Amino acid sequence: MKRILTSLLVLVAVLVPTVSATLSVFSDTETSTGNTFTAGTLDLEVDGGNDPLGAKFSASNMVPGQKYHAGTVTLSNVGSVDGVLTLMVENPVSNENGLTEAEETDGDILDTQIDSTGYNADSGDGELWDQTTLRICLETGAGSHASNNICDWDDTTIYNNEGTPGNDYSSTYSIPLSTDLAADNSVVLSPNQQVNLVVEVTFVDDESNWWWGGMSGVTNNMAMTDDMVFDVVFGLEQVTS
C-alpha cells in the first residue's frame, strides 16, 4: 500500500507542471511600420528671391523739405512653419562726392563729415545721412492701405524718426545698427503669407527746424551732391511660443 501511494505522489508531481504548460490565451498583434519624422522649413523670400538681392531702395535728385518713397518690397514666408519677421539697418555710409561752391561757402570741408553732435552711425565724409529721416512700415492697414506704397496711420511702423532734425541728431534719433527694429512688433508670417514693406526717406529742411535749434551747424547746402548708402537685412525666426 505504501509503495502504491508513493507511486501516486510521484505521478501527481509529474502531472502538475505538464497541465500548467498546456494553458493558452487569445492574442493579436499589429505593427506600425515606416514611422517618419521630417523637419519643417523656414524660408523668407524678398520679391520672390533670395540672396544676393542687390539694392531695393533708392531716391535721386533729392531736395530739402521733400519726402520720397524709396521702395516697396514683398516679404513672403515660403516655408512650412510660422516665422517672426526681423529687420536690421547696417553699414550706413554718406559720401561727399566732391564739393560745390555752395558747400564750401557754408563751411563744408573735403574728406570731413561736418557733425557736431557726436552721434555718427554713418561713416564717410558726406552730410546727407544726418539730414534725412527714415520711416519703415509694413502695409497691414485696411483697404487700400494694404497696397498703396505709403506708410499710413493704420500700418505697422517698424521704425520712424520723422519730425526730427535727422538721423544722428542725438542718441534718441540715431538708428540702432545691427539691431532688430521689428522686435517690438512681433510680426508673424504664417506659411504662404506675405506682407509689403515700405521705406520712406525725408530730406529735412533746415529752415523748418528752427524749433530744434537748427541742425547743430549742418546746413542743407553741405549735403549737395552727397549720397547715402545702407544695407537692410530681412529675416525670419522660428516662433518659439
Foldseek 3Di string as FASTA:
>chain_A
DVVVVVVVVVVVVVVVVVVVVPDDDDDDDDDDPDDDDDDWDWDKDKQNHDPPDPDAFDDPPDDAPDKDFRHKIKIAGQIAAKWWKFKFKDAKEKEQQDADPLLVVLPQDPFAADAPQPQDRYDYRADQQFQKWKWKWWQPDPDCSQPPLDDDPRTGTLDGDPPDRHARLHPVRPGDGPDGSCVVVRDMHHNGRMIMMIMMMHRHQQVVCVVVVGSRSDHSSRRVPMDMDIDMDMDIDGDDD
